[in-house]
Amino acid sequence: MLPCHRLNLAILQLCLLLLVSFTDSRSSKCSPGKVCSGSERPPVVLIPGDLGNQLEAKLDKPSVVHYICYKKTNDFFTLWLNLELLVPVAIDCWIDNMRLLYNRTTHLTEAPPGVDVRVPGFGKTFSLEYLDPSKRSVGMYFFTIVQALVDWGYTRDDDVRGAPYDWRKAPNENKEYFLRLQQMIEEMANKAGGPVVLIAHSMGNMYTLYFLNHQPQAWKDRYIKAFVSLGPPWAGVAKTLRVMATGDNNRIPVISPVKIRTQQRTAVSTVWLLPYAHSWPKDMVLVSTPNTSYTVQDYQRFFKDIDYEDGWAMRKDTEPLVSALQPPGVPVHCLYGSGIPTAQGFNYTNFPDVDPTVINGDGDGTVNLLSATQCKRWKSQQKQPVQMFELPGNEHVAMLLNITTVNYIKNVLFTP
């Protein structure tokens, strides 16, 4: 048995040990007024692109466009991606449920009467790992990256989480989404004791930039370790002009481009992604017809000529959102595909209802190289590092499956 003075000394040493341990534990957390310290495995938030997460709908409609269409459903069902709905006749029902109605007074969109659309799985990964809940390979999206993270020790819906949203709309209509995103990032960082890595794809990069541009620098310093940008359309993409004019069936022969155009034109996010004058040559012809041509300076006339003047109103609403390309104020890793023929212009003989001849340039098959590389301007505009990484021969979505991309992400996550 220890003498009394030795017992008191032992107790004192134990108390000091516990105090030091507690202090070290506290210092590694995101305690108030402090910058989050690094962690061995930083939390990850995934921000998908256009069409990049599931959507669900519930119906109680006053009327339908075809007798086979459901007028009322008791529960929510998968609206996107549901391959059973993208077949002849049934697609008429899908288009009517998927379209948005634009209000020129409020400058907002809404679903048709009796259609309730929701985004499933915020904070989870399932709705962006596979767009089709049946997990068919055709709908595989972020699965490869998420599975790699799990193999490295991450846990789905815990330290790797998804941030899906209604990708039909631009950020000005998704304000609640950004509040939830901020809260989730803070929660993950506080739990892990270190800042979060954001990984975005395609239009998700535009959403992420908008979000970061609206955060104080002190918040970004505290909560964001890095922003990994995959296939970013910083200056818009030329193919959106074809979508608005003619429609795009994505090479699915049983779907008429002109028919699906009815829905595609109503997606404000498509108009938001039209090429931007801050990067595209102002005299570059993007669309030509037997009677006229259109550049980035001719959108008002373009929308009038295709008889969709709501499009011009949508463009005026959304163009200022990130058009300044204000630097995000966090470390950026900009990965982009190249070497794949990518539409940069369209020649029409019968405008706008007949498919045009496509003029290709460089890019990833969707995003033009000119647009994807605009992040290089931030190298001289922010103190945080900006890394550019070219992925030759990588297609826009396939880059998410590429081992080079996966290894790059691993390096970002585990390099101090």
Protein backbone atom coordinates (compact mmCIF):
# COMPACT_ATOMS: atom_id res chain seq x y z
CA MET A 1 0.00 0.00 0.00
CA LEU A 2 1.33 3.47 -0.94
CA PRO A 3 2.18 6.00 1.76
CA CYS A 4 -0.29 8.90 1.92
CA HIS A 5 2.00 11.48 0.29
CA ARG A 6 2.86 9.08 -2.55
CA LEU A 7 -0.85 8.35 -3.05
CA ASN A 8 -1.60 12.08 -3.31
CA LEU A 9 1.23 12.46 -5.84
CA ALA A 10 -0.11 9.58 -7.94
CA ILE A 11 -3.60 11.08 -7.91
CA LEU A 12 -2.18 14.47 -8.93
CA GLN A 13 -0.23 12.92 -11.83
CA LEU A 14 -3.33 11.05 -12.97
CA CYS A 15 -5.36 14.26 -12.90
CA LEU A 16 -2.71 16.08 -14.91
CA LEU A 17 -2.63 13.23 -17.44
CA LEU A 18 -6.42 13.35 -17.84
CA LEU A 19 -6.34 17.14 -18.18
CA VAL A 20 -3.68 17.02 -20.90
CA SER A 21 -5.60 14.27 -22.70
CA PHE A 22 -8.82 16.29 -22.53
CA THR A 23 -7.07 19.43 -23.74
CA ASP A 24 -5.52 17.59 -26.69
CA SER A 25 -8.90 16.12 -27.56
CA ARG A 26 -10.56 19.53 -27.44
CA SER A 27 -7.84 21.17 -29.53
CA SER A 28 -8.37 18.72 -32.37
CA LYS A 29 -12.05 19.62 -32.61
CA CYS A 30 -13.63 22.60 -34.33
CA SER A 31 -14.06 24.50 -31.07
CA PRO A 32 -15.55 28.00 -31.25
CA GLY A 33 -13.22 30.65 -32.60
CA LYS A 34 -10.65 28.14 -33.84
CA VAL A 35 -9.69 26.80 -37.25
CA CYS A 36 -10.40 23.08 -37.54
CA SER A 37 -7.16 21.14 -37.40
CA GLY A 38 -6.36 18.40 -39.88
CA SER A 39 -7.53 14.85 -39.28
CA GLU A 40 -6.24 11.51 -40.47
CA ARG A 41 -9.37 10.96 -42.53
CA PRO A 42 -11.17 14.20 -43.43
CA PRO A 43 -14.94 13.96 -43.94
CA VAL A 44 -16.15 14.06 -47.55
CA VAL A 45 -19.24 15.69 -49.03
CA LEU A 46 -20.28 14.77 -52.58
CA ILE A 47 -22.15 17.33 -54.73
CA PRO A 48 -23.60 15.81 -57.92
CA GLY A 49 -24.16 17.42 -61.29
CA ASP A 50 -27.13 17.93 -63.59
CA LEU A 51 -29.26 14.74 -63.64
CA GLY A 52 -26.90 13.48 -60.92
CA ASN A 53 -29.23 12.25 -58.18
CA GLN A 54 -32.59 10.58 -57.83
CA LEU A 55 -35.86 12.49 -57.76
CA GLU A 56 -39.16 11.16 -56.45
CA ALA A 57 -42.74 12.24 -57.12
CA LYS A 58 -46.21 11.82 -55.69
CA LEU A 59 -49.27 12.57 -57.82
CA ASP A 60 -52.75 13.93 -57.26
CA LYS A 61 -53.37 15.56 -60.65
CA PRO A 62 -56.55 17.14 -61.99
CA SER A 63 -55.88 15.62 -65.42
CA VAL A 64 -53.34 13.57 -67.38
CA VAL A 65 -51.93 13.77 -70.89
CA HIS A 66 -52.62 10.13 -71.75
CA TYR A 67 -55.01 7.52 -70.44
CA ILE A 68 -52.15 5.24 -69.35
CA CYS A 69 -50.68 7.93 -67.08
CA TYR A 70 -51.24 7.74 -63.35
CA LYS A 71 -53.42 10.55 -62.08
CA LYS A 72 -52.98 9.80 -58.38
CA THR A 73 -50.44 7.77 -56.39
CA ASN A 74 -50.58 6.85 -52.72
CA ASP A 75 -46.84 7.03 -52.21
CA PHE A 76 -43.77 8.64 -53.72
CA PHE A 77 -42.21 6.81 -56.65
CA THR A 78 -38.91 7.21 -58.51
CA LEU A 79 -39.21 9.88 -61.18
CA TRP A 80 -35.49 9.97 -62.01
CA LEU A 81 -33.91 7.68 -62.99
CA ASN A 82 -36.74 5.29 -63.86
CA LEU A 83 -36.01 3.54 -67.13
CA GLU A 84 -39.52 2.11 -67.28
CA LEU A 85 -40.86 5.65 -67.76
CA LEU A 86 -38.49 6.50 -70.63
CA VAL A 87 -40.20 4.39 -73.28
CA PRO A 88 -42.70 5.41 -75.98
CA VAL A 89 -46.07 6.62 -74.69
CA ALA A 90 -45.01 6.31 -71.04
CA ILE A 91 -42.52 9.11 -71.65
CA ASP A 92 -45.46 11.47 -72.24
CA CYS A 93 -46.45 10.92 -68.60
CA TRP A 94 -42.85 11.42 -67.46
CA ILE A 95 -42.46 14.68 -69.38
CA ASP A 96 -45.68 16.07 -67.93
CA ASN A 97 -44.59 15.21 -64.38
CA MET A 98 -40.99 16.33 -64.79
CA ARG A 99 -41.56 19.72 -66.41
CA LEU A 100 -41.51 23.01 -64.53
CA LEU A 101 -43.78 26.03 -64.90
CA TYR A 102 -42.00 29.40 -64.93
CA ASN A 103 -43.65 32.44 -63.36
CA ARG A 104 -42.41 35.68 -64.94
CA THR A 105 -43.77 37.71 -62.02
CA THR A 106 -42.04 35.81 -59.21
CA HIS A 107 -39.14 34.59 -61.38
CA LEU A 108 -39.57 31.17 -59.81
CA THR A 109 -40.64 27.78 -61.11
CA GLU A 110 -43.11 25.30 -59.73
CA ALA A 111 -44.32 21.80 -60.53
CA PRO A 112 -47.51 21.28 -62.51
CA PRO A 113 -50.72 21.12 -60.43
CA GLY A 114 -50.92 17.92 -58.43
CA VAL A 115 -47.24 16.96 -58.83
CA ASP A 116 -45.08 16.89 -55.70
CA VAL A 117 -41.38 16.31 -56.40
CA ARG A 118 -38.85 15.68 -53.65
CA VAL A 119 -35.13 14.89 -53.41
CA PRO A 120 -34.48 11.67 -51.47
CA GLY A 121 -31.45 10.95 -49.35
CA PHE A 122 -29.91 14.26 -48.33
CA GLY A 123 -26.89 13.38 -46.18
CA LYS A 124 -26.76 9.88 -47.65
CA THR A 125 -24.96 8.52 -50.70
CA PHE A 126 -27.48 6.11 -52.24
CA SER A 127 -29.28 8.60 -54.48
CA LEU A 128 -26.08 9.61 -56.26
CA GLU A 129 -24.19 6.32 -56.21
CA TYR A 130 -26.82 4.87 -58.52
CA LEU A 131 -29.36 7.09 -60.27
CA ASP A 132 -31.56 4.05 -60.85
CA PRO A 133 -32.61 2.49 -57.51
CA SER A 134 -32.42 -0.94 -59.15
CA LYS A 135 -28.64 -0.34 -59.28
CA ARG A 136 -28.37 -1.16 -62.96
CA SER A 137 -24.97 -0.31 -64.35
CA VAL A 138 -26.49 2.23 -66.75
CA GLY A 139 -27.35 4.38 -63.73
CA MET A 140 -24.03 4.03 -61.88
CA TYR A 141 -22.65 7.46 -60.98
CA PHE A 142 -20.66 8.09 -57.78
CA PHE A 143 -20.51 4.43 -56.73
CA THR A 144 -16.86 3.85 -57.70
CA ILE A 145 -15.65 6.84 -55.70
CA VAL A 146 -17.83 6.03 -52.68
CA GLN A 147 -16.73 2.40 -52.66
CA ALA A 148 -13.09 3.47 -52.84
CA LEU A 149 -13.66 5.74 -49.84
CA VAL A 150 -15.20 2.83 -47.94
CA ASP A 151 -12.19 0.69 -48.81
CA TRP A 152 -9.98 3.40 -47.31
CA GLY A 153 -11.88 3.30 -44.03
CA TYR A 154 -14.79 5.67 -44.61
CA THR A 155 -18.38 4.87 -43.65
CA ARG A 156 -21.32 5.66 -45.91
CA ASP A 157 -23.68 8.32 -44.52
CA ASP A 158 -21.26 9.10 -41.70
CA ASP A 159 -17.94 10.58 -42.81
CA VAL A 160 -18.82 10.42 -46.52
CA ARG A 161 -22.19 11.92 -47.29
CA GLY A 162 -24.09 13.10 -50.33
CA ALA A 163 -25.70 16.48 -50.92
CA PRO A 164 -28.33 15.84 -53.62
CA TYR A 165 -30.63 18.63 -54.81
CA ASP A 166 -33.29 19.42 -57.39
CA TRP A 167 -30.94 19.82 -60.35
CA ARG A 168 -33.70 21.16 -62.59
CA LYS A 169 -33.34 24.45 -60.78
CA ALA A 170 -30.53 26.99 -60.40
CA PRO A 171 -29.14 28.06 -57.00
CA ASN A 172 -31.47 31.06 -56.70
CA GLU A 173 -34.36 28.60 -56.22
CA ASN A 174 -32.56 26.22 -53.86
CA LYS A 175 -31.81 28.47 -50.88
CA GLU A 176 -32.91 25.92 -48.28
CA TYR A 177 -30.51 23.42 -49.83
CA PHE A 178 -27.52 25.64 -49.07
CA LEU A 179 -28.58 26.06 -45.45
CA ARG A 180 -28.78 22.29 -45.07
CA LEU A 181 -25.41 21.90 -46.81
CA GLN A 182 -23.77 24.38 -44.44
CA GLN A 183 -25.25 22.67 -41.40
CA MET A 184 -24.13 19.24 -42.61
CA ILE A 185 -20.57 20.42 -43.27
CA GLU A 186 -20.35 21.97 -39.81
CA GLU A 187 -21.76 18.84 -38.17
CA MET A 188 -19.32 16.56 -40.00
CA ALA A 189 -16.33 18.76 -39.27
CA ASN A 190 -17.19 19.07 -35.58
CA LYS A 191 -17.66 15.33 -35.25
CA ALA A 192 -14.43 14.47 -37.07
CA GLY A 193 -12.34 17.20 -35.53
CA GLY A 194 -11.16 18.44 -38.91
CA PRO A 195 -12.32 20.28 -42.02
CA VAL A 196 -14.29 18.72 -44.87
CA VAL A 197 -13.28 17.90 -48.46
CA LEU A 198 -15.91 18.82 -51.05
CA ILE A 199 -16.01 16.67 -54.21
CA ALA A 200 -18.26 18.00 -56.95
CA HIS A 201 -18.98 16.90 -60.50
CA SER A 202 -20.21 18.85 -63.51
CA MET A 203 -22.89 21.42 -62.59
CA GLY A 204 -22.32 20.51 -58.96
CA ASN A 205 -19.16 22.60 -59.24
CA MET A 206 -21.22 25.66 -60.12
CA TYR A 207 -23.45 24.96 -57.12
CA THR A 208 -20.39 24.55 -54.90
CA LEU A 209 -18.83 27.78 -56.15
CA TYR A 210 -22.07 29.65 -55.49
CA PHE A 211 -22.17 28.19 -51.98
CA LEU A 212 -18.55 29.06 -51.18
CA ASN A 213 -18.91 32.57 -52.60
CA HIS A 214 -21.64 33.17 -50.03
CA GLN A 215 -19.60 32.00 -47.03
CA PRO A 216 -17.30 34.26 -44.96
CA GLN A 217 -13.61 33.52 -45.41
CA ALA A 218 -13.29 32.67 -41.72
CA TRP A 219 -15.95 29.97 -42.16
CA LYS A 220 -14.16 28.51 -45.18
CA ASP A 221 -10.81 28.54 -43.38
CA ARG A 222 -12.36 26.67 -40.49
CA TYR A 223 -14.51 24.09 -42.27
CA ILE A 224 -13.13 23.38 -45.77
CA LYS A 225 -9.91 21.46 -46.35
CA ALA A 226 -10.18 21.31 -50.16
CA PHE A 227 -12.55 21.48 -53.10
CA VAL A 228 -12.07 18.72 -55.69
CA SER A 229 -13.68 19.83 -58.94
CA LEU A 230 -14.43 17.12 -61.53
CA GLY A 231 -15.44 18.10 -65.08
CA PRO A 232 -16.45 21.68 -64.17
CA PRO A 233 -18.46 23.76 -66.70
CA TRP A 234 -17.25 27.12 -65.35
CA ALA A 235 -18.08 28.98 -68.57
CA GLY A 236 -21.11 26.94 -69.57
CA VAL A 237 -21.36 24.30 -72.28
CA ALA A 238 -22.25 24.71 -75.94
CA LYS A 239 -24.48 21.62 -76.07
CA THR A 240 -27.13 23.43 -74.01
CA LEU A 241 -27.99 25.48 -77.10
CA ARG A 242 -28.97 22.32 -78.94
CA VAL A 243 -30.98 21.15 -75.93
CA MET A 244 -32.94 24.39 -75.91
CA ALA A 245 -33.42 24.58 -79.67
CA THR A 246 -34.04 20.98 -80.73
CA GLY A 247 -33.97 18.84 -77.61
CA ASP A 248 -31.44 16.12 -76.89
CA ASN A 249 -32.38 12.45 -76.62
CA ASN A 250 -28.85 11.48 -75.54
CA ARG A 251 -28.69 9.06 -78.46
CA ILE A 252 -31.70 7.04 -77.26
CA PRO A 253 -33.37 6.26 -80.61
CA VAL A 254 -36.87 5.59 -79.26
CA ILE A 255 -37.07 9.08 -77.73
CA SER A 256 -37.86 12.01 -80.01
CA PRO A 257 -35.62 15.03 -79.28
CA VAL A 258 -38.44 17.42 -80.11
CA LYS A 259 -40.79 15.61 -77.72
CA ILE A 260 -38.41 15.58 -74.76
CA ARG A 261 -37.53 19.20 -75.54
CA THR A 262 -40.87 20.11 -73.91
CA GLN A 263 -39.42 19.15 -70.55
CA GLN A 264 -35.79 20.09 -71.15
CA ARG A 265 -36.61 23.71 -71.95
CA THR A 266 -38.33 24.19 -68.61
CA ALA A 267 -35.23 23.21 -66.59
CA VAL A 268 -33.80 26.53 -65.49
CA SER A 269 -30.42 24.92 -64.82
CA THR A 270 -30.02 24.19 -68.54
CA VAL A 271 -30.42 27.87 -69.36
CA TRP A 272 -27.99 28.70 -66.54
CA LEU A 273 -25.38 26.52 -68.29
CA LEU A 274 -25.47 28.32 -71.63
CA PRO A 275 -21.99 29.56 -72.66
CA TYR A 276 -20.81 32.71 -70.88
CA ALA A 277 -19.44 35.84 -72.54
CA HIS A 278 -16.70 36.18 -69.91
CA SER A 279 -14.85 33.27 -71.54
CA TRP A 280 -16.31 32.45 -74.95
CA PRO A 281 -15.17 34.60 -77.89
CA LYS A 282 -17.91 37.14 -78.49
CA ASP A 283 -17.74 36.67 -82.26
CA MET A 284 -17.76 32.85 -82.17
CA VAL A 285 -20.81 31.46 -83.96
CA LEU A 286 -22.46 28.85 -81.75
CA VAL A 287 -25.59 28.27 -83.85
CA SER A 288 -26.00 28.99 -87.55
CA THR A 289 -29.11 28.70 -89.74
CA PRO A 290 -29.75 29.52 -93.41
CA ASN A 291 -30.96 32.96 -92.33
CA THR A 292 -28.91 33.98 -89.31
CA SER A 293 -26.38 33.04 -86.66
CA TYR A 294 -26.10 33.33 -82.88
CA THR A 295 -23.20 34.08 -80.53
CA VAL A 296 -23.07 34.50 -76.75
CA GLN A 297 -24.38 38.03 -77.32
CA ASP A 298 -27.58 36.90 -79.07
CA TYR A 299 -29.50 34.91 -76.48
CA GLN A 300 -32.52 37.20 -76.38
CA ARG A 301 -32.97 36.86 -80.14
CA PHE A 302 -32.21 33.13 -79.97
CA PHE A 303 -35.01 32.48 -77.48
CA LYS A 304 -37.43 34.62 -79.45
CA ASP A 305 -36.63 32.73 -82.64
CA ILE A 306 -37.19 29.31 -81.03
CA ASP A 307 -40.45 30.63 -79.58
CA TYR A 308 -39.43 30.18 -75.97
CA GLU A 309 -39.08 33.65 -74.48
CA ASP A 310 -39.32 32.30 -70.92
CA GLY A 311 -35.79 31.11 -71.60
CA TRP A 312 -34.51 34.67 -71.89
CA ALA A 313 -36.17 35.60 -68.59
CA MET A 314 -34.57 32.55 -66.96
CA ARG A 315 -31.17 33.52 -68.32
CA LYS A 316 -31.45 37.03 -66.91
CA ASP A 317 -32.41 35.52 -63.54
CA THR A 318 -29.49 33.11 -63.40
CA GLU A 319 -26.59 34.56 -65.40
CA PRO A 320 -25.30 36.78 -62.53
CA LEU A 321 -25.18 33.92 -60.00
CA VAL A 322 -21.58 32.90 -60.68
CA SER A 323 -20.76 34.79 -63.88
CA ALA A 324 -18.00 36.76 -62.14
CA LEU A 325 -16.22 33.47 -61.38
CA GLN A 326 -15.23 34.88 -58.02
CA PRO A 327 -12.53 32.61 -56.54
CA PRO A 328 -13.85 30.13 -53.97
CA GLY A 329 -11.27 31.00 -51.33
CA VAL A 330 -10.33 27.38 -50.57
CA PRO A 331 -7.69 25.02 -51.98
CA VAL A 332 -8.93 23.82 -55.39
CA HIS A 333 -8.11 20.71 -57.40
CA CYS A 334 -9.50 21.11 -60.90
CA LEU A 335 -9.67 17.83 -62.88
CA TYR A 336 -10.92 17.92 -66.45
CA GLY A 337 -11.17 15.61 -69.44
CA SER A 338 -9.73 16.39 -72.86
CA GLY A 339 -9.16 14.87 -76.26
CA ILE A 340 -12.77 13.83 -76.86
CA PRO A 341 -14.86 15.46 -79.61
CA THR A 342 -17.14 17.93 -77.86
CA ALA A 343 -19.91 19.98 -79.47
CA GLN A 344 -19.01 23.65 -79.78
CA GLY A 345 -21.30 24.70 -82.62
CA PHE A 346 -24.41 23.65 -84.55
CA ASN A 347 -25.37 24.16 -88.19
CA TYR A 348 -29.09 23.95 -88.95
CA THR A 349 -30.73 23.54 -92.32
CA ASN A 350 -34.19 23.51 -90.73
CA PHE A 351 -34.15 25.49 -87.49
CA PRO A 352 -35.02 24.59 -84.79
CA ASP A 353 -36.96 21.34 -85.18
CA VAL A 354 -34.52 19.16 -87.13
CA ASP A 355 -31.25 17.84 -85.73
CA PRO A 356 -28.27 20.01 -86.70
CA THR A 357 -24.82 19.17 -87.97
CA VAL A 358 -22.49 19.26 -84.98
CA ILE A 359 -19.17 21.11 -85.07
CA ASN A 360 -16.80 19.58 -82.54
CA GLY A 361 -13.95 21.00 -80.54
CA ASP A 362 -11.92 19.72 -77.59
CA GLY A 363 -13.32 18.67 -74.24
CA ASP A 364 -14.70 15.66 -72.38
CA GLY A 365 -17.63 15.01 -74.70
CA THR A 366 -19.90 17.33 -72.70
CA VAL A 367 -17.90 20.17 -71.18
CA ASN A 368 -15.77 22.20 -73.57
CA LEU A 369 -12.10 22.46 -72.66
CA LEU A 370 -12.33 26.25 -72.77
CA SER A 371 -14.92 26.10 -70.00
CA ALA A 372 -13.36 23.41 -67.80
CA THR A 373 -10.01 25.19 -67.53
CA GLN A 374 -11.33 28.56 -66.34
CA CYS A 375 -10.35 27.67 -62.78
CA LYS A 376 -6.76 28.49 -63.74
CA ARG A 377 -7.62 32.18 -63.39
CA TRP A 378 -7.93 31.70 -59.62
CA LYS A 379 -4.20 30.97 -59.33
CA SER A 380 -3.55 34.69 -59.33
CA GLN A 381 -6.76 35.67 -57.56
CA GLN A 382 -6.58 33.78 -54.27
CA LYS A 383 -3.85 32.82 -51.83
CA GLN A 384 -5.06 29.22 -51.53
CA PRO A 385 -3.45 26.84 -54.04
CA VAL A 386 -5.18 25.90 -57.29
CA GLN A 387 -4.06 22.66 -58.91
CA MET A 388 -4.91 21.80 -62.53
CA PHE A 389 -4.96 18.15 -63.58
CA GLU A 390 -5.77 17.08 -67.13
CA LEU A 391 -7.35 13.68 -67.81
CA PRO A 392 -6.64 12.99 -71.50
CA GLY A 393 -9.25 10.79 -73.15
CA ASN A 394 -11.60 10.90 -70.16
CA GLU A 395 -15.30 11.29 -70.90
CA HIS A 396 -17.45 13.52 -68.70
CA VAL A 397 -19.06 10.83 -66.54
CA ALA A 398 -16.48 8.08 -67.09
CA MET A 399 -13.90 10.21 -65.27
CA LEU A 400 -15.71 9.26 -62.04
CA LEU A 401 -14.84 5.62 -62.71
CA ASN A 402 -11.21 6.23 -63.61
CA ILE A 403 -8.51 4.86 -61.29
CA THR A 404 -6.46 8.00 -61.97
CA THR A 405 -9.27 10.16 -60.61
CA VAL A 406 -9.75 7.87 -57.62
CA ASN A 407 -6.04 7.90 -56.79
CA TYR A 408 -5.92 11.69 -57.12
CA ILE A 409 -8.77 11.97 -54.62
CA LYS A 410 -6.96 9.61 -52.25
CA ASN A 411 -3.88 11.80 -52.41
CA VAL A 412 -5.93 14.91 -51.58
CA LEU A 413 -7.56 13.20 -48.62
CA PHE A 414 -4.49 11.68 -47.03
CA THR A 415 -1.81 14.25 -47.79
CA PRO A 416 -1.39 16.67 -44.85
